[in-house]
C-alpha atoms as a PDB file:
ATOM      1  CA  UNK A   1    -182.948 -60.500   0.132  1.00  0.00           C
ATOM      2  CA  UNK A   2    -180.570 -59.122  -2.492  1.00  0.00           C
ATOM      3  CA  UNK A   3    -181.033 -55.676  -1.109  1.00  0.00           C
ATOM      4  CA  UNK A   4    -180.206 -57.010   2.259  1.00  0.00           C
ATOM      5  CA  UNK A   5    -177.199 -58.785   0.889  1.00  0.00           C
ATOM      6  CA  UNK A   6    -176.173 -55.644  -1.011  1.00  0.00           C
ATOM      7  CA  UNK A   7    -176.500 -53.646   2.117  1.00  0.00           C
ATOM      8  CA  UNK A   8    -174.394 -56.186   4.003  1.00  0.00           C
ATOM      9  CA  UNK A   9    -171.796 -56.212   1.221  1.00  0.00           C
ATOM     10  CA  UNK A  10    -171.895 -52.453   1.129  1.00  0.00           C
ATOM     11  CA  UNK A  11    -171.307 -52.369   4.868  1.00  0.00           C
ATOM     12  CA  UNK A  12    -168.567 -54.938   4.488  1.00  0.00           C
ATOM     13  CA  UNK A  13    -166.946 -52.856   1.720  1.00  0.00           C
ATOM     14  CA  UNK A  14    -167.295 -49.719   3.858  1.00  0.00           C
ATOM     15  CA  UNK A  15    -165.810 -51.579   6.806  1.00  0.00           C
ATOM     16  CA  UNK A  16    -163.033 -52.952   4.569  1.00  0.00           C
ATOM     17  CA  UNK A  17    -162.368 -49.447   3.208  1.00  0.00           C
ATOM     18  CA  UNK A  18    -162.221 -48.134   6.807  1.00  0.00           C
ATOM     19  CA  UNK A  19    -159.881 -51.000   7.633  1.00  0.00           C
ATOM     20  CA  UNK A  20    -157.749 -50.132   4.583  1.00  0.00           C
ATOM     21  CA  UNK A  21    -157.747 -46.424   5.563  1.00  0.00           C
ATOM     22  CA  UNK A  22    -156.876 -47.363   9.118  1.00  0.00           C
ATOM     23  CA  UNK A  23    -154.178 -49.738   7.838  1.00  0.00           C
ATOM     24  CA  UNK A  24    -152.815 -46.956   5.565  1.00  0.00           C
ATOM     25  CA  UNK A  25    -152.814 -44.507   8.482  1.00  0.00           C
ATOM     26  CA  UNK A  26    -151.156 -47.123  10.674  1.00  0.00           C
ATOM     27  CA  UNK A  27    -148.637 -47.858   7.903  1.00  0.00           C
ATOM     28  CA  UNK A  28    -147.893 -44.118   7.564  1.00  0.00           C
ATOM     29  CA  UNK A  29    -147.381 -43.912  11.333  1.00  0.00           C
ATOM     30  CA  UNK A  30    -145.129 -46.974  11.196  1.00  0.00           C
ATOM     31  CA  UNK A  31    -143.159 -45.475   8.280  1.00  0.00           C
ATOM     32  CA  UNK A  32    -142.834 -42.210  10.217  1.00  0.00           C
ATOM     33  CA  UNK A  33    -141.695 -44.197  13.276  1.00  0.00           C
ATOM     34  CA  UNK A  34    -139.230 -46.133  11.073  1.00  0.00           C
ATOM     35  CA  UNK A  35    -137.908 -42.823   9.629  1.00  0.00           C
ATOM     36  CA  UNK A  36    -137.508 -41.452  13.159  1.00  0.00           C
ATOM     37  CA  UNK A  37    -135.794 -44.657  14.255  1.00  0.00           C
ATOM     38  CA  UNK A  38    -133.479 -44.562  11.195  1.00  0.00           C
ATOM     39  CA  UNK A  39    -132.681 -40.916  12.029  1.00  0.00           C
ATOM     40  CA  UNK A  40    -131.974 -41.879  15.633  1.00  0.00           C
ATOM     41  CA  UNK A  41    -129.796 -44.785  14.435  1.00  0.00           C
ATOM     42  CA  UNK A  42    -127.896 -42.363  12.175  1.00  0.00           C
ATOM     43  CA  UNK A  43    -127.472 -39.887  15.047  1.00  0.00           C
ATOM     44  CA  UNK A  44    -126.412 -42.674  17.411  1.00  0.00           C
ATOM     45  CA  UNK A  45    -123.967 -44.033  14.806  1.00  0.00           C
ATOM     46  CA  UNK A  46    -122.465 -40.548  14.414  1.00  0.00           C
ATOM     47  CA  UNK A  47    -122.299 -40.147  18.187  1.00  0.00           C
ATOM     48  CA  UNK A  48    -120.727 -43.596  18.492  1.00  0.00           C
ATOM     49  CA  UNK A  49    -118.121 -42.716  15.833  1.00  0.00           C
ATOM     50  CA  UNK A  50    -117.407 -39.440  17.614  1.00  0.00           C
ATOM     51  CA  UNK A  51    -117.155 -41.283  20.936  1.00  0.00           C
ATOM     52  CA  UNK A  52    -114.805 -43.856  19.385  1.00  0.00           C
ATOM     53  CA  UNK A  53    -112.635 -41.036  17.985  1.00  0.00           C
ATOM     54  CA  UNK A  54    -112.674 -39.318  21.380  1.00  0.00           C
ATOM     55  CA  UNK A  55    -111.791 -42.618  23.077  1.00  0.00           C
ATOM     56  CA  UNK A  56    -108.892 -43.064  20.651  1.00  0.00           C
ATOM     57  CA  UNK A  57    -107.703 -39.540  21.463  1.00  0.00           C
ATOM     58  CA  UNK A  58    -108.132 -40.199  25.169  1.00  0.00           C
ATOM     59  CA  UNK A  59    -106.150 -43.436  24.851  1.00  0.00           C
ATOM     60  CA  UNK A  60    -103.353 -41.453  23.193  1.00  0.00           C
ATOM     61  CA  UNK A  61    -103.551 -38.830  25.944  1.00  0.00           C
ATOM     62  CA  UNK A  62    -103.605 -41.621  28.538  1.00  0.00           C
ATOM     63  CA  UNK A  63    -100.427 -43.029  26.980  1.00  0.00           C
ATOM     64  CA  UNK A  64     -98.814 -39.579  27.231  1.00  0.00           C
ATOM     65  CA  UNK A  65     -99.932 -39.261  30.850  1.00  0.00           C
ATOM     66  CA  UNK A  66     -98.570 -42.730  31.665  1.00  0.00           C
ATOM     67  CA  UNK A  67     -95.238 -41.790  30.075  1.00  0.00           C
ATOM     68  CA  UNK A  68     -95.223 -38.527  32.063  1.00  0.00           C
ATOM     69  CA  UNK A  69     -96.081 -40.474  35.215  1.00  0.00           C
ATOM     70  CA  UNK A  70     -93.166 -42.850  34.572  1.00  0.00           C
ATOM     71  CA  UNK A  71     -90.911 -39.847  34.027  1.00  0.00           C
ATOM     72  CA  UNK A  72     -92.174 -38.256  37.271  1.00  0.00           C
ATOM     73  CA  UNK A  73     -91.622 -41.518  39.149  1.00  0.00           C
ATOM     74  CA  UNK A  74     -88.065 -41.645  37.833  1.00  0.00           C
ATOM     75  CA  UNK A  75     -87.532 -37.980  38.737  1.00  0.00           C
ATOM     76  CA  UNK A  76     -88.991 -38.632  42.189  1.00  0.00           C
ATOM     77  CA  UNK A  77     -86.563 -41.497  42.752  1.00  0.00           C
ATOM     78  CA  UNK A  78     -83.704 -39.273  41.612  1.00  0.00           C
ATOM     79  CA  UNK A  79     -84.952 -36.441  43.847  1.00  0.00           C
ATOM     80  CA  UNK A  80     -85.218 -38.800  46.818  1.00  0.00           C
ATOM     81  CA  UNK A  81     -81.646 -39.942  46.172  1.00  0.00           C
ATOM     82  CA  UNK A  82     -80.503 -36.302  45.904  1.00  0.00           C
ATOM     83  CA  UNK A  83     -82.401 -35.487  49.090  1.00  0.00           C
ATOM     84  CA  UNK A  84     -80.718 -38.361  50.921  1.00  0.00           C
ATOM     85  CA  UNK A  85     -77.331 -37.201  49.658  1.00  0.00           C
ATOM     86  CA  UNK A  86     -78.157 -33.649  50.786  1.00  0.00           C
ATOM     87  CA  UNK A  87     -79.173 -34.911  54.218  1.00  0.00           C
ATOM     88  CA  UNK A  88     -75.950 -36.950  54.460  1.00  0.00           C
ATOM     89  CA  UNK A  89     -73.940 -33.910  53.400  1.00  0.00           C
ATOM     90  CA  UNK A  90     -75.834 -31.742  55.900  1.00  0.00           C
ATOM     91  CA  UNK A  91     -75.075 -34.251  58.654  1.00  0.00           C
ATOM     92  CA  UNK A  92     -71.404 -34.241  57.682  1.00  0.00           C
ATOM     93  CA  UNK A  93     -71.415 -30.444  57.782  1.00  0.00           C
ATOM     94  CA  UNK A  94     -73.115 -30.521  61.195  1.00  0.00           C
ATOM     95  CA  UNK A  95     -70.397 -32.876  62.455  1.00  0.00           C
ATOM     96  CA  UNK A  96     -67.717 -30.606  60.998  1.00  0.00           C
ATOM     97  CA  UNK A  97     -69.360 -27.603  62.688  1.00  0.00           C
ATOM     98  CA  UNK A  98     -69.411 -29.470  66.002  1.00  0.00           C
ATOM     99  CA  UNK A  99     -65.718 -30.359  65.595  1.00  0.00           C
ATOM    100  CA  UNK A 100     -64.859 -26.805  64.533  1.00  0.00           C
ATOM    101  CA  UNK A 101     -66.814 -25.433  67.499  1.00  0.00           C
ATOM    102  CA  UNK A 102     -64.829 -27.678  69.841  1.00  0.00           C
ATOM    103  CA  UNK A 103     -61.606 -26.601  68.167  1.00  0.00           C
ATOM    104  CA  UNK A 104     -62.687 -22.953  68.378  1.00  0.00           C
ATOM    105  CA  UNK A 105     -63.413 -23.309  72.100  1.00  0.00           C
ATOM    106  CA  UNK A 106     -60.007 -24.905  72.565  1.00  0.00           C
ATOM    107  CA  UNK A 107     -58.405 -22.043  70.631  1.00  0.00           C
ATOM    108  CA  UNK A 108     -60.377 -19.544  72.732  1.00  0.00           C
ATOM    109  CA  UNK A 109     -58.986 -21.157  75.872  1.00  0.00           C
ATOM    110  CA  UNK A 110     -55.475 -20.978  74.411  1.00  0.00           C
ATOM    111  CA  UNK A 111     -56.086 -17.330  73.467  1.00  0.00           C
ATOM    112  CA  UNK A 112     -57.269 -16.571  77.005  1.00  0.00           C
ATOM    113  CA  UNK A 113     -54.098 -18.177  78.338  1.00  0.00           C
ATOM    114  CA  UNK A 114     -51.929 -16.236  75.892  1.00  0.00           C
ATOM    115  CA  UNK A 115     -53.807 -13.013  76.726  1.00  0.00           C
ATOM    116  CA  UNK A 116     -53.285 -13.631  80.433  1.00  0.00           C
ATOM    117  CA  UNK A 117     -49.575 -14.321  79.832  1.00  0.00           C
ATOM    118  CA  UNK A 118     -49.372 -11.184  77.673  1.00  0.00           C
ATOM    119  CA  UNK A 119     -51.010  -9.108  80.391  1.00  0.00           C
ATOM    120  CA  UNK A 120     -48.625 -10.577  82.951  1.00  0.00           C
ATOM    121  CA  UNK A 121     -45.710  -9.833  80.601  1.00  0.00           C
ATOM    122  CA  UNK A 122     -46.947  -6.256  80.133  1.00  0.00           C
ATOM    123  CA  UNK A 123     -47.229  -5.829  83.898  1.00  0.00           C
ATOM    124  CA  UNK A 124     -43.747  -7.305  84.353  1.00  0.00           C
ATOM    125  CA  UNK A 125     -42.391  -5.055  81.603  1.00  0.00           C
ATOM    126  CA  UNK A 126     -44.013  -2.059  83.296  1.00  0.00           C
ATOM    127  CA  UNK A 127     -42.405  -3.106  86.565  1.00  0.00           C
ATOM    128  CA  UNK A 128     -39.049  -3.618  84.829  1.00  0.00           C
ATOM    129  CA  UNK A 129     -39.392  -0.264  83.076  1.00  0.00           C
ATOM    130  CA  UNK A 130     -40.137   1.391  86.400  1.00  0.00           C
ATOM    131  CA  UNK A 131     -37.112  -0.362  87.949  1.00  0.00           C
ATOM    132  CA  UNK A 132     -34.997   0.595  84.913  1.00  0.00           C
ATOM    133  CA  UNK A 133     -36.126   4.232  85.196  1.00  0.00           C
ATOM    134  CA  UNK A 134     -35.293   4.177  88.874  1.00  0.00           C
ATOM    135  CA  UNK A 135     -31.815   2.685  88.216  1.00  0.00           C
ATOM    136  CA  UNK A 136     -31.216   5.137  85.380  1.00  0.00           C
ATOM    137  CA  UNK A 137     -32.108   7.972  87.758  1.00  0.00           C
ATOM    138  CA  UNK A 138     -29.709   6.531  90.308  1.00  0.00           C
ATOM    139  CA  UNK A 139     -27.037   6.257  87.574  1.00  0.00           C
ATOM    140  CA  UNK A 140     -27.557   9.892  86.630  1.00  0.00           C
ATOM    141  CA  UNK A 141     -27.322  10.882  90.282  1.00  0.00           C
ATOM    142  CA  UNK A 142     -24.168   8.798  90.637  1.00  0.00           C
ATOM    143  CA  UNK A 143     -22.645  10.365  87.527  1.00  0.00           C
ATOM    144  CA  UNK A 144     -23.529  13.770  88.914  1.00  0.00           C
ATOM    145  CA  UNK A 145     -21.920  12.848  92.202  1.00  0.00           C
ATOM    146  CA  UNK A 146     -18.782  11.548  90.398  1.00  0.00           C
ATOM    147  CA  UNK A 147     -18.584  14.819  88.473  1.00  0.00           C
ATOM    148  CA  UNK A 148     -18.846  16.790  91.701  1.00  0.00           C
ATOM    149  CA  UNK A 149     -16.132  14.625  93.247  1.00  0.00           C
ATOM    150  CA  UNK A 150     -13.893  15.140  90.198  1.00  0.00           C
ATOM    151  CA  UNK A 151     -14.450  18.852  90.425  1.00  0.00           C
ATOM    152  CA  UNK A 152     -13.438  18.776  94.120  1.00  0.00           C
ATOM    153  CA  UNK A 153     -10.366  16.700  93.383  1.00  0.00           C
ATOM    154  CA  UNK A 154      -9.338  19.080  90.619  1.00  0.00           C
ATOM    155  CA  UNK A 155      -9.636  22.021  92.982  1.00  0.00           C
END
């Protein structure tokens, strides 16, 4: 009976030793898992810190971009105002061109009238010159005739 009990105790000890070995192996696995998890936590903490730093930098950059956007909005408003002023000025210039074109056409009509009058005056002057030449010729002929008459009277 003792041998039987010894055998049972021996089996129980062997089973307990196997359980202890298994527990040690399980504990080693758990420790390894804990080490891996701690390493992952460290990596994640570093990544989180890097992400927070990047976010801080991005917030600063976002602030710069918002300031630039405000500046661009202000410049856009100024450019729109300048554009409106340019369009108003262009419209004024168009109106001036229209008025100047009308005035130019009026002046062209006056010039045509003056040119026509000048041509008529030139024609009249030519006619008068021709008449003057004719009368001067007649005067010369008359003077010649008077000279001939004087010569006859003297003889």
